[in-house]
Amino acid sequence: ENAAFMMDFFSIEIMDISYLFAPLK
């Protein structure tokens, strides 16, 4: 949906991509 799950080696960072031009962690 509007979330991007990023695998960051040491953590999982979840980004809000509701507005693609300004995603937020």
mmCIF file of all heavy atoms, coordinates in Angstrom:
data_MODEL
# 
_entry.id   MODEL 
# 
loop_
_atom_site.group_PDB 
_atom_site.id 
_atom_site.type_symbol 
_atom_site.label_atom_id 
_atom_site.label_alt_id 
_atom_site.label_comp_id 
_atom_site.label_asym_id 
_atom_site.label_entity_id 
_atom_site.label_seq_id 
_atom_site.pdbx_PDB_ins_code 
_atom_site.Cartn_x 
_atom_site.Cartn_y 
_atom_site.Cartn_z 
_atom_site.occupancy 
_atom_site.B_iso_or_equiv 
_atom_site.pdbx_formal_charge 
_atom_site.auth_seq_id 
_atom_site.auth_comp_id 
_atom_site.auth_asym_id 
_atom_site.auth_atom_id 
_atom_site.pdbx_PDB_model_num 
ATOM 1   N N   . GLU A 1 1  ? 0.847  -1.194 0.000  1.00 0.00 ? 1  GLU A N   1 
ATOM 2   C CA  . GLU A 1 1  ? 0.000  0.000  0.000  1.00 0.00 ? 1  GLU A CA  1 
ATOM 3   C C   . GLU A 1 1  ? 0.885  1.248  0.000  1.00 0.00 ? 1  GLU A C   1 
ATOM 4   O O   . GLU A 1 1  ? 1.704  1.418  -0.904 1.00 0.00 ? 1  GLU A O   1 
ATOM 5   C CB  . GLU A 1 1  ? -0.959 -0.051 1.192  1.00 0.00 ? 1  GLU A CB  1 
ATOM 6   C CG  . GLU A 1 1  ? -1.892 -1.245 1.150  1.00 0.00 ? 1  GLU A CG  1 
ATOM 7   C CD  . GLU A 1 1  ? -2.667 -1.431 2.434  1.00 0.00 ? 1  GLU A CD  1 
ATOM 8   O OE1 . GLU A 1 1  ? -2.390 -0.711 3.428  1.00 0.00 ? 1  GLU A OE1 1 
ATOM 9   O OE2 . GLU A 1 1  ? -3.545 -2.320 2.463  1.00 0.00 ? 1  GLU A OE2 1 
ATOM 10  N N   . ASN A 1 2  ? 0.781  2.082  1.014  1.00 0.00 ? 2  ASN A N   1 
ATOM 11  C CA  . ASN A 1 2  ? 1.551  3.331  1.043  1.00 0.00 ? 2  ASN A CA  1 
ATOM 12  C C   . ASN A 1 2  ? 2.798  3.231  1.915  1.00 0.00 ? 2  ASN A C   1 
ATOM 13  O O   . ASN A 1 2  ? 3.298  4.247  2.396  1.00 0.00 ? 2  ASN A O   1 
ATOM 14  C CB  . ASN A 1 2  ? 0.669  4.488  1.541  1.00 0.00 ? 2  ASN A CB  1 
ATOM 15  C CG  . ASN A 1 2  ? -0.424 4.815  0.545  1.00 0.00 ? 2  ASN A CG  1 
ATOM 16  O OD1 . ASN A 1 2  ? -0.215 4.723  -0.663 1.00 0.00 ? 2  ASN A OD1 1 
ATOM 17  N ND2 . ASN A 1 2  ? -1.594 5.172  1.044  1.00 0.00 ? 2  ASN A ND2 1 
ATOM 18  N N   . ALA A 1 3  ? 3.290  2.024  2.092  1.00 0.00 ? 3  ALA A N   1 
ATOM 19  C CA  . ALA A 1 3  ? 4.481  1.822  2.922  1.00 0.00 ? 3  ALA A CA  1 
ATOM 20  C C   . ALA A 1 3  ? 5.576  1.140  2.115  1.00 0.00 ? 3  ALA A C   1 
ATOM 21  O O   . ALA A 1 3  ? 5.311  0.250  1.300  1.00 0.00 ? 3  ALA A O   1 
ATOM 22  C CB  . ALA A 1 3  ? 4.147  0.993  4.154  1.00 0.00 ? 3  ALA A CB  1 
ATOM 23  N N   . ALA A 1 4  ? 6.809  1.593  2.344  1.00 0.00 ? 4  ALA A N   1 
ATOM 24  C CA  . ALA A 1 4  ? 7.992  0.938  1.776  1.00 0.00 ? 4  ALA A CA  1 
ATOM 25  C C   . ALA A 1 4  ? 8.828  0.409  2.933  1.00 0.00 ? 4  ALA A C   1 
ATOM 26  O O   . ALA A 1 4  ? 9.210  1.172  3.835  1.00 0.00 ? 4  ALA A O   1 
ATOM 27  C CB  . ALA A 1 4  ? 8.812  1.922  0.943  1.00 0.00 ? 4  ALA A CB  1 
ATOM 28  N N   . PHE A 1 5  ? 9.098  -0.905 2.904  1.00 0.00 ? 5  PHE A N   1 
ATOM 29  C CA  . PHE A 1 5  ? 9.900  -1.541 3.945  1.00 0.00 ? 5  PHE A CA  1 
ATOM 30  C C   . PHE A 1 5  ? 11.324 -1.679 3.417  1.00 0.00 ? 5  PHE A C   1 
ATOM 31  O O   . PHE A 1 5  ? 11.571 -2.389 2.442  1.00 0.00 ? 5  PHE A O   1 
ATOM 32  C CB  . PHE A 1 5  ? 9.330  -2.912 4.290  1.00 0.00 ? 5  PHE A CB  1 
ATOM 33  C CG  . PHE A 1 5  ? 7.968  -2.878 4.914  1.00 0.00 ? 5  PHE A CG  1 
ATOM 34  C CD1 . PHE A 1 5  ? 6.836  -2.746 4.123  1.00 0.00 ? 5  PHE A CD1 1 
ATOM 35  C CD2 . PHE A 1 5  ? 7.818  -2.958 6.292  1.00 0.00 ? 5  PHE A CD2 1 
ATOM 36  C CE1 . PHE A 1 5  ? 5.571  -2.709 4.686  1.00 0.00 ? 5  PHE A CE1 1 
ATOM 37  C CE2 . PHE A 1 5  ? 6.559  -2.924 6.868  1.00 0.00 ? 5  PHE A CE2 1 
ATOM 38  C CZ  . PHE A 1 5  ? 5.431  -2.791 6.070  1.00 0.00 ? 5  PHE A CZ  1 
ATOM 39  N N   . MET A 1 6  ? 12.259 -1.001 4.085  1.00 0.00 ? 6  MET A N   1 
ATOM 40  C CA  . MET A 1 6  ? 13.646 -0.960 3.642  1.00 0.00 ? 6  MET A CA  1 
ATOM 41  C C   . MET A 1 6  ? 14.507 -1.854 4.537  1.00 0.00 ? 6  MET A C   1 
ATOM 42  O O   . MET A 1 6  ? 14.513 -1.700 5.762  1.00 0.00 ? 6  MET A O   1 
ATOM 43  C CB  . MET A 1 6  ? 14.192 0.467  3.691  1.00 0.00 ? 6  MET A CB  1 
ATOM 44  C CG  . MET A 1 6  ? 13.346 1.506  2.979  1.00 0.00 ? 6  MET A CG  1 
ATOM 45  S SD  . MET A 1 6  ? 13.203 1.185  1.203  1.00 0.00 ? 6  MET A SD  1 
ATOM 46  C CE  . MET A 1 6  ? 14.914 1.303  0.697  1.00 0.00 ? 6  MET A CE  1 
ATOM 47  N N   . MET A 1 7  ? 15.235 -2.796 3.901  1.00 0.00 ? 7  MET A N   1 
ATOM 48  C CA  . MET A 1 7  ? 16.196 -3.615 4.635  1.00 0.00 ? 7  MET A CA  1 
ATOM 49  C C   . MET A 1 7  ? 17.520 -2.868 4.689  1.00 0.00 ? 7  MET A C   1 
ATOM 50  O O   . MET A 1 7  ? 18.148 -2.609 3.651  1.00 0.00 ? 7  MET A O   1 
ATOM 51  C CB  . MET A 1 7  ? 16.383 -4.955 3.939  1.00 0.00 ? 7  MET A CB  1 
ATOM 52  C CG  . MET A 1 7  ? 15.106 -5.779 3.801  1.00 0.00 ? 7  MET A CG  1 
ATOM 53  S SD  . MET A 1 7  ? 14.363 -6.240 5.394  1.00 0.00 ? 7  MET A SD  1 
ATOM 54  C CE  . MET A 1 7  ? 13.109 -4.963 5.576  1.00 0.00 ? 7  MET A CE  1 
ATOM 55  N N   . ASP A 1 8  ? 17.951 -2.531 5.901  1.00 0.00 ? 8  ASP A N   1 
ATOM 56  C CA  . ASP A 1 8  ? 19.071 -1.606 6.074  1.00 0.00 ? 8  ASP A CA  1 
ATOM 57  C C   . ASP A 1 8  ? 20.243 -2.247 6.819  1.00 0.00 ? 8  ASP A C   1 
ATOM 58  O O   . ASP A 1 8  ? 20.982 -1.562 7.506  1.00 0.00 ? 8  ASP A O   1 
ATOM 59  C CB  . ASP A 1 8  ? 18.574 -0.361 6.830  1.00 0.00 ? 8  ASP A CB  1 
ATOM 60  C CG  . ASP A 1 8  ? 19.613 0.752  6.823  1.00 0.00 ? 8  ASP A CG  1 
ATOM 61  O OD1 . ASP A 1 8  ? 20.131 1.075  5.739  1.00 0.00 ? 8  ASP A OD1 1 
ATOM 62  O OD2 . ASP A 1 8  ? 19.913 1.278  7.910  1.00 0.00 ? 8  ASP A OD2 1 
ATOM 63  N N   . PHE A 1 9  ? 20.405 -3.561 6.685  1.00 0.00 ? 9  PHE A N   1 
ATOM 64  C CA  . PHE A 1 9  ? 21.467 -4.300 7.357  1.00 0.00 ? 9  PHE A CA  1 
ATOM 65  C C   . PHE A 1 9  ? 21.303 -4.344 8.865  1.00 0.00 ? 9  PHE A C   1 
ATOM 66  O O   . PHE A 1 9  ? 21.321 -5.410 9.457  1.00 0.00 ? 9  PHE A O   1 
ATOM 67  C CB  . PHE A 1 9  ? 22.862 -3.762 7.000  1.00 0.00 ? 9  PHE A CB  1 
ATOM 68  C CG  . PHE A 1 9  ? 23.379 -4.258 5.691  1.00 0.00 ? 9  PHE A CG  1 
ATOM 69  C CD1 . PHE A 1 9  ? 23.821 -3.381 4.728  1.00 0.00 ? 9  PHE A CD1 1 
ATOM 70  C CD2 . PHE A 1 9  ? 23.405 -5.604 5.403  1.00 0.00 ? 9  PHE A CD2 1 
ATOM 71  C CE1 . PHE A 1 9  ? 24.283 -3.839 3.508  1.00 0.00 ? 9  PHE A CE1 1 
ATOM 72  C CE2 . PHE A 1 9  ? 23.856 -6.071 4.190  1.00 0.00 ? 9  PHE A CE2 1 
ATOM 73  C CZ  . PHE A 1 9  ? 24.307 -5.193 3.245  1.00 0.00 ? 9  PHE A CZ  1 
ATOM 74  N N   . PHE A 1 10 ? 21.170 -3.179 9.500  1.00 0.00 ? 10 PHE A N   1 
ATOM 75  C CA  . PHE A 1 10 ? 21.083 -3.161 10.952 1.00 0.00 ? 10 PHE A CA  1 
ATOM 76  C C   . PHE A 1 10 ? 19.666 -2.886 11.454 1.00 0.00 ? 10 PHE A C   1 
ATOM 77  O O   . PHE A 1 10 ? 19.401 -2.950 12.642 1.00 0.00 ? 10 PHE A O   1 
ATOM 78  C CB  . PHE A 1 10 ? 22.029 -2.119 11.533 1.00 0.00 ? 10 PHE A CB  1 
ATOM 79  C CG  . PHE A 1 10 ? 23.445 -2.316 11.097 1.00 0.00 ? 10 PHE A CG  1 
ATOM 80  C CD1 . PHE A 1 10 ? 24.106 -1.352 10.366 1.00 0.00 ? 10 PHE A CD1 1 
ATOM 81  C CD2 . PHE A 1 10 ? 24.127 -3.491 11.381 1.00 0.00 ? 10 PHE A CD2 1 
ATOM 82  C CE1 . PHE A 1 10 ? 25.417 -1.546 9.947  1.00 0.00 ? 10 PHE A CE1 1 
ATOM 83  C CE2 . PHE A 1 10 ? 25.422 -3.699 10.961 1.00 0.00 ? 10 PHE A CE2 1 
ATOM 84  C CZ  . PHE A 1 10 ? 26.072 -2.712 10.247 1.00 0.00 ? 10 PHE A CZ  1 
ATOM 85  N N   . SER A 1 11 ? 18.760 -2.555 10.551 1.00 0.00 ? 11 SER A N   1 
ATOM 86  C CA  . SER A 1 11 ? 17.403 -2.219 10.973 1.00 0.00 ? 11 SER A CA  1 
ATOM 87  C C   . SER A 1 11 ? 16.453 -2.372 9.798  1.00 0.00 ? 11 SER A C   1 
ATOM 88  O O   . SER A 1 11 ? 16.864 -2.548 8.652  1.00 0.00 ? 11 SER A O   1 
ATOM 89  C CB  . SER A 1 11 ? 17.343 -0.773 11.490 1.00 0.00 ? 11 SER A CB  1 
ATOM 90  O OG  . SER A 1 11 ? 17.666 0.136  10.435 1.00 0.00 ? 11 SER A OG  1 
ATOM 91  N N   . ILE A 1 12 ? 15.158 -2.298 10.115 1.00 0.00 ? 12 ILE A N   1 
ATOM 92  C CA  . ILE A 1 12 ? 14.116 -2.217 9.106  1.00 0.00 ? 12 ILE A CA  1 
ATOM 93  C C   . ILE A 1 12 ? 13.503 -0.826 9.208  1.00 0.00 ? 12 ILE A C   1 
ATOM 94  O O   . ILE A 1 12 ? 12.993 -0.448 10.273 1.00 0.00 ? 12 ILE A O   1 
ATOM 95  C CB  . ILE A 1 12 ? 13.052 -3.303 9.317  1.00 0.00 ? 12 ILE A CB  1 
ATOM 96  C CG1 . ILE A 1 12 ? 13.697 -4.689 9.227  1.00 0.00 ? 12 ILE A CG1 1 
ATOM 97  C CG2 . ILE A 1 12 ? 11.928 -3.168 8.298  1.00 0.00 ? 12 ILE A CG2 1 
ATOM 98  C CD1 . ILE A 1 12 ? 12.781 -5.807 9.668  1.00 0.00 ? 12 ILE A CD1 1 
ATOM 99  N N   . GLU A 1 13 ? 13.610 -0.075 8.137  1.00 0.00 ? 13 GLU A N   1 
ATOM 100 C CA  . GLU A 1 13 ? 13.099 1.293  8.108  1.00 0.00 ? 13 GLU A CA  1 
ATOM 101 C C   . GLU A 1 13 ? 11.806 1.306  7.288  1.00 0.00 ? 13 GLU A C   1 
ATOM 102 O O   . GLU A 1 13 ? 11.777 0.815  6.160  1.00 0.00 ? 13 GLU A O   1 
ATOM 103 C CB  . GLU A 1 13 ? 14.124 2.243  7.482  1.00 0.00 ? 13 GLU A CB  1 
ATOM 104 C CG  . GLU A 1 13 ? 15.490 2.210  8.147  1.00 0.00 ? 13 GLU A CG  1 
ATOM 105 C CD  . GLU A 1 13 ? 15.459 2.755  9.561  1.00 0.00 ? 13 GLU A CD  1 
ATOM 106 O OE1 . GLU A 1 13 ? 14.785 3.785  9.781  1.00 0.00 ? 13 GLU A OE1 1 
ATOM 107 O OE2 . GLU A 1 13 ? 16.090 2.147  10.452 1.00 0.00 ? 13 GLU A OE2 1 
ATOM 108 N N   . ILE A 1 14 ? 10.745 1.864  7.862  1.00 0.00 ? 14 ILE A N   1 
ATOM 109 C CA  . ILE A 1 14 ? 9.456  1.880  7.187  1.00 0.00 ? 14 ILE A CA  1 
ATOM 110 C C   . ILE A 1 14 ? 9.124  3.306  6.778  1.00 0.00 ? 14 ILE A C   1 
ATOM 111 O O   . ILE A 1 14 ? 9.060  4.209  7.614  1.00 0.00 ? 14 ILE A O   1 
ATOM 112 C CB  . ILE A 1 14 ? 8.357  1.295  8.082  1.00 0.00 ? 14 ILE A CB  1 
ATOM 113 C CG1 . ILE A 1 14 ? 8.748  -0.126 8.507  1.00 0.00 ? 14 ILE A CG1 1 
ATOM 114 C CG2 . ILE A 1 14 ? 7.016  1.288  7.351  1.00 0.00 ? 14 ILE A CG2 1 
ATOM 115 C CD1 . ILE A 1 14 ? 7.782  -0.760 9.471  1.00 0.00 ? 14 ILE A CD1 1 
ATOM 116 N N   . MET A 1 15 ? 8.944  3.498  5.462  1.00 0.00 ? 15 MET A N   1 
ATOM 117 C CA  . MET A 1 15 ? 8.716  4.815  4.891  1.00 0.00 ? 15 MET A CA  1 
ATOM 118 C C   . MET A 1 15 ? 7.259  4.970  4.467  1.00 0.00 ? 15 MET A C   1 
ATOM 119 O O   . MET A 1 15 ? 6.668  4.042  3.893  1.00 0.00 ? 15 MET A O   1 
ATOM 120 C CB  . MET A 1 15 ? 9.605  5.027  3.661  1.00 0.00 ? 15 MET A CB  1 
ATOM 121 C CG  . MET A 1 15 ? 11.067 4.687  3.856  1.00 0.00 ? 15 MET A CG  1 
ATOM 122 S SD  . MET A 1 15 ? 11.879 5.878  4.937  1.00 0.00 ? 15 MET A SD  1 
ATOM 123 C CE  . MET A 1 15 ? 13.593 5.321  4.819  1.00 0.00 ? 15 MET A CE  1 
ATOM 124 N N   . ASP A 1 16 ? 6.708  6.139  4.688  1.00 0.00 ? 16 ASP A N   1 
ATOM 125 C CA  . ASP A 1 16 ? 5.385  6.489  4.198  1.00 0.00 ? 16 ASP A CA  1 
ATOM 126 C C   . ASP A 1 16 ? 5.548  7.097  2.806  1.00 0.00 ? 16 ASP A C   1 
ATOM 127 O O   . ASP A 1 16 ? 6.170  8.152  2.639  1.00 0.00 ? 16 ASP A O   1 
ATOM 128 C CB  . ASP A 1 16 ? 4.726  7.489  5.148  1.00 0.00 ? 16 ASP A CB  1 
ATOM 129 C CG  . ASP A 1 16 ? 3.280  7.775  4.782  1.00 0.00 ? 16 ASP A CG  1 
ATOM 130 O OD1 . ASP A 1 16 ? 2.910  7.593  3.602  1.00 0.00 ? 16 ASP A OD1 1 
ATOM 131 O OD2 . ASP A 1 16 ? 2.512  8.195  5.663  1.00 0.00 ? 16 ASP A OD2 1 
ATOM 132 N N   . ILE A 1 17 ? 5.025  6.402  1.779  1.00 0.00 ? 17 ILE A N   1 
ATOM 133 C CA  . ILE A 1 17 ? 5.171  6.882  0.404  1.00 0.00 ? 17 ILE A CA  1 
ATOM 134 C C   . ILE A 1 17 ? 3.826  7.342  -0.158 1.00 0.00 ? 17 ILE A C   1 
ATOM 135 O O   . ILE A 1 17 ? 3.584  7.293  -1.369 1.00 0.00 ? 17 ILE A O   1 
ATOM 136 C CB  . ILE A 1 17 ? 5.792  5.798  -0.501 1.00 0.00 ? 17 ILE A CB  1 
ATOM 137 C CG1 . ILE A 1 17 ? 5.004  4.488  -0.414 1.00 0.00 ? 17 ILE A CG1 1 
ATOM 138 C CG2 . ILE A 1 17 ? 7.250  5.562  -0.117 1.00 0.00 ? 17 ILE A CG2 1 
ATOM 139 C CD1 . ILE A 1 17 ? 5.469  3.420  -1.403 1.00 0.00 ? 17 ILE A CD1 1 
ATOM 140 N N   . SER A 1 18 ? 2.946  7.811  0.727  1.00 0.00 ? 18 SER A N   1 
ATOM 141 C CA  . SER A 1 18 ? 1.647  8.319  0.275  1.00 0.00 ? 18 SER A CA  1 
ATOM 142 C C   . SER A 1 18 ? 1.837  9.430  -0.743 1.00 0.00 ? 18 SER A C   1 
ATOM 143 O O   . SER A 1 18 ? 1.107  9.523  -1.739 1.00 0.00 ? 18 SER A O   1 
ATOM 144 C CB  . SER A 1 18 ? 0.837  8.841  1.469  1.00 0.00 ? 18 SER A CB  1 
ATOM 145 O OG  . SER A 1 18 ? 0.640  7.832  2.435  1.00 0.00 ? 18 SER A OG  1 
ATOM 146 N N   . TYR A 1 19 ? 2.804  10.285 -0.493 1.00 0.00 ? 19 TYR A N   1 
ATOM 147 C CA  . TYR A 1 19 ? 3.151  11.344 -1.432 1.00 0.00 ? 19 TYR A CA  1 
ATOM 148 C C   . TYR A 1 19 ? 4.554  11.033 -1.949 1.00 0.00 ? 19 TYR A C   1 
ATOM 149 O O   . TYR A 1 19 ? 5.543  11.202 -1.236 1.00 0.00 ? 19 TYR A O   1 
ATOM 150 C CB  . TYR A 1 19 ? 3.107  12.710 -0.748 1.00 0.00 ? 19 TYR A CB  1 
ATOM 151 C CG  . TYR A 1 19 ? 3.375  13.865 -1.688 1.00 0.00 ? 19 TYR A CG  1 
ATOM 152 C CD1 . TYR A 1 19 ? 2.647  14.013 -2.871 1.00 0.00 ? 19 TYR A CD1 1 
ATOM 153 C CD2 . TYR A 1 19 ? 4.351  14.810 -1.388 1.00 0.00 ? 19 TYR A CD2 1 
ATOM 154 C CE1 . TYR A 1 19 ? 2.901  15.069 -3.732 1.00 0.00 ? 19 TYR A CE1 1 
ATOM 155 C CE2 . TYR A 1 19 ? 4.603  15.868 -2.241 1.00 0.00 ? 19 TYR A CE2 1 
ATOM 156 C CZ  . TYR A 1 19 ? 3.876  15.997 -3.417 1.00 0.00 ? 19 TYR A CZ  1 
ATOM 157 O OH  . TYR A 1 19 ? 4.118  17.047 -4.267 1.00 0.00 ? 19 TYR A OH  1 
ATOM 158 N N   . LEU A 1 20 ? 4.632  10.556 -3.194 1.00 0.00 ? 20 LEU A N   1 
ATOM 159 C CA  . LEU A 1 20 ? 5.890  10.026 -3.717 1.00 0.00 ? 20 LEU A CA  1 
ATOM 160 C C   . LEU A 1 20 ? 6.989  11.069 -3.805 1.00 0.00 ? 20 LEU A C   1 
ATOM 161 O O   . LEU A 1 20 ? 8.169  10.725 -3.795 1.00 0.00 ? 20 LEU A O   1 
ATOM 162 C CB  . LEU A 1 20 ? 5.655  9.407  -5.094 1.00 0.00 ? 20 LEU A CB  1 
ATOM 163 C CG  . LEU A 1 20 ? 4.711  8.202  -5.136 1.00 0.00 ? 20 LEU A CG  1 
ATOM 164 C CD1 . LEU A 1 20 ? 4.520  7.724  -6.566 1.00 0.00 ? 20 LEU A CD1 1 
ATOM 165 C CD2 . LEU A 1 20 ? 5.227  7.076  -4.263 1.00 0.00 ? 20 LEU A CD2 1 
ATOM 166 N N   . PHE A 1 21 ? 6.611  12.333 -3.890 1.00 0.00 ? 21 PHE A N   1 
ATOM 167 C CA  . PHE A 1 21 ? 7.615  13.377 -4.051 1.00 0.00 ? 21 PHE A CA  1 
ATOM 168 C C   . PHE A 1 21 ? 8.189  13.838 -2.711 1.00 0.00 ? 21 PHE A C   1 
ATOM 169 O O   . PHE A 1 21 ? 9.137  14.619 -2.677 1.00 0.00 ? 21 PHE A O   1 
ATOM 170 C CB  . PHE A 1 21 ? 7.018  14.560 -4.819 1.00 0.00 ? 21 PHE A CB  1 
ATOM 171 C CG  . PHE A 1 21 ? 6.634  14.210 -6.229 1.00 0.00 ? 21 PHE A CG  1 
ATOM 172 C CD1 . PHE A 1 21 ? 5.386  13.687 -6.513 1.00 0.00 ? 21 PHE A CD1 1 
ATOM 173 C CD2 . PHE A 1 21 ? 7.540  14.368 -7.268 1.00 0.00 ? 21 PHE A CD2 1 
ATOM 174 C CE1 . PHE A 1 21 ? 5.035  13.341 -7.812 1.00 0.00 ? 21 PHE A CE1 1 
ATOM 175 C CE2 . PHE A 1 21 ? 7.199  14.028 -8.572 1.00 0.00 ? 21 PHE A CE2 1 
ATOM 176 C CZ  . PHE A 1 21 ? 5.943  13.511 -8.840 1.00 0.00 ? 21 PHE A CZ  1 
ATOM 177 N N   . ALA A 1 22 ? 7.623  13.330 -1.628 1.00 0.00 ? 22 ALA A N   1 
ATOM 178 C CA  . ALA A 1 22 ? 8.145  13.684 -0.298 1.00 0.00 ? 22 ALA A CA  1 
ATOM 179 C C   . ALA A 1 22 ? 7.876  12.547 0.681  1.00 0.00 ? 22 ALA A C   1 
ATOM 180 O O   . ALA A 1 22 ? 7.086  12.693 1.625  1.00 0.00 ? 22 ALA A O   1 
ATOM 181 C CB  . ALA A 1 22 ? 7.515  14.989 0.195  1.00 0.00 ? 22 ALA A CB  1 
ATOM 182 N N   . PRO A 1 23 ? 8.499  11.384 0.481  1.00 0.00 ? 23 PRO A N   1 
ATOM 183 C CA  . PRO A 1 23 ? 8.292  10.263 1.417  1.00 0.00 ? 23 PRO A CA  1 
ATOM 184 C C   . PRO A 1 23 ? 8.843  10.601 2.802  1.00 0.00 ? 23 PRO A C   1 
ATOM 185 O O   . PRO A 1 23 ? 9.798  11.378 2.928  1.00 0.00 ? 23 PRO A O   1 
ATOM 186 C CB  . PRO A 1 23 ? 9.061  9.118  0.766  1.00 0.00 ? 23 PRO A CB  1 
ATOM 187 C CG  . PRO A 1 23 ? 10.054 9.767  -0.137 1.00 0.00 ? 23 PRO A CG  1 
ATOM 188 C CD  . PRO A 1 23 ? 9.442  11.048 -0.599 1.00 0.00 ? 23 PRO A CD  1 
ATOM 189 N N   . LEU A 1 24 ? 8.246  9.982  3.819  1.00 0.00 ? 24 LEU A N   1 
ATOM 190 C CA  . LEU A 1 24 ? 8.644  10.246 5.193  1.00 0.00 ? 24 LEU A CA  1 
ATOM 191 C C   . LEU A 1 24 ? 8.975  8.938  5.902  1.00 0.00 ? 24 LEU A C   1 
ATOM 192 O O   . LEU A 1 24 ? 8.284  7.939  5.721  1.00 0.00 ? 24 LEU A O   1 
ATOM 193 C CB  . LEU A 1 24 ? 7.510  10.942 5.956  1.00 0.00 ? 24 LEU A CB  1 
ATOM 194 C CG  . LEU A 1 24 ? 7.076  12.318 5.456  1.00 0.00 ? 24 LEU A CG  1 
ATOM 195 C CD1 . LEU A 1 24 ? 5.818  12.762 6.198  1.00 0.00 ? 24 LEU A CD1 1 
ATOM 196 C CD2 . LEU A 1 24 ? 8.189  13.326 5.611  1.00 0.00 ? 24 LEU A CD2 1 
ATOM 197 N N   . LYS A 1 25 ? 10.010 8.974  6.729  1.00 0.00 ? 25 LYS A N   1 
ATOM 198 C CA  . LYS A 1 25 ? 10.323 7.811  7.568  1.00 0.00 ? 25 LYS A CA  1 
ATOM 199 C C   . LYS A 1 25 ? 9.394  7.808  8.768  1.00 0.00 ? 25 LYS A C   1 
ATOM 200 O O   . LYS A 1 25 ? 9.327  8.786  9.508  1.00 0.00 ? 25 LYS A O   1 
ATOM 201 C CB  . LYS A 1 25 ? 11.786 7.834  8.000  1.00 0.00 ? 25 LYS A CB  1 
ATOM 202 C CG  . LYS A 1 25 ? 12.171 6.608  8.805  1.00 0.00 ? 25 LYS A CG  1 
ATOM 203 C CD  . LYS A 1 25 ? 13.668 6.421  8.887  1.00 0.00 ? 25 LYS A CD  1 
ATOM 204 C CE  . LYS A 1 25 ? 14.312 7.524  9.719  1.00 0.00 ? 25 LYS A CE  1 
ATOM 205 N NZ  . LYS A 1 25 ? 15.761 7.264  9.904  1.00 0.00 ? 25 LYS A NZ  1 
# 
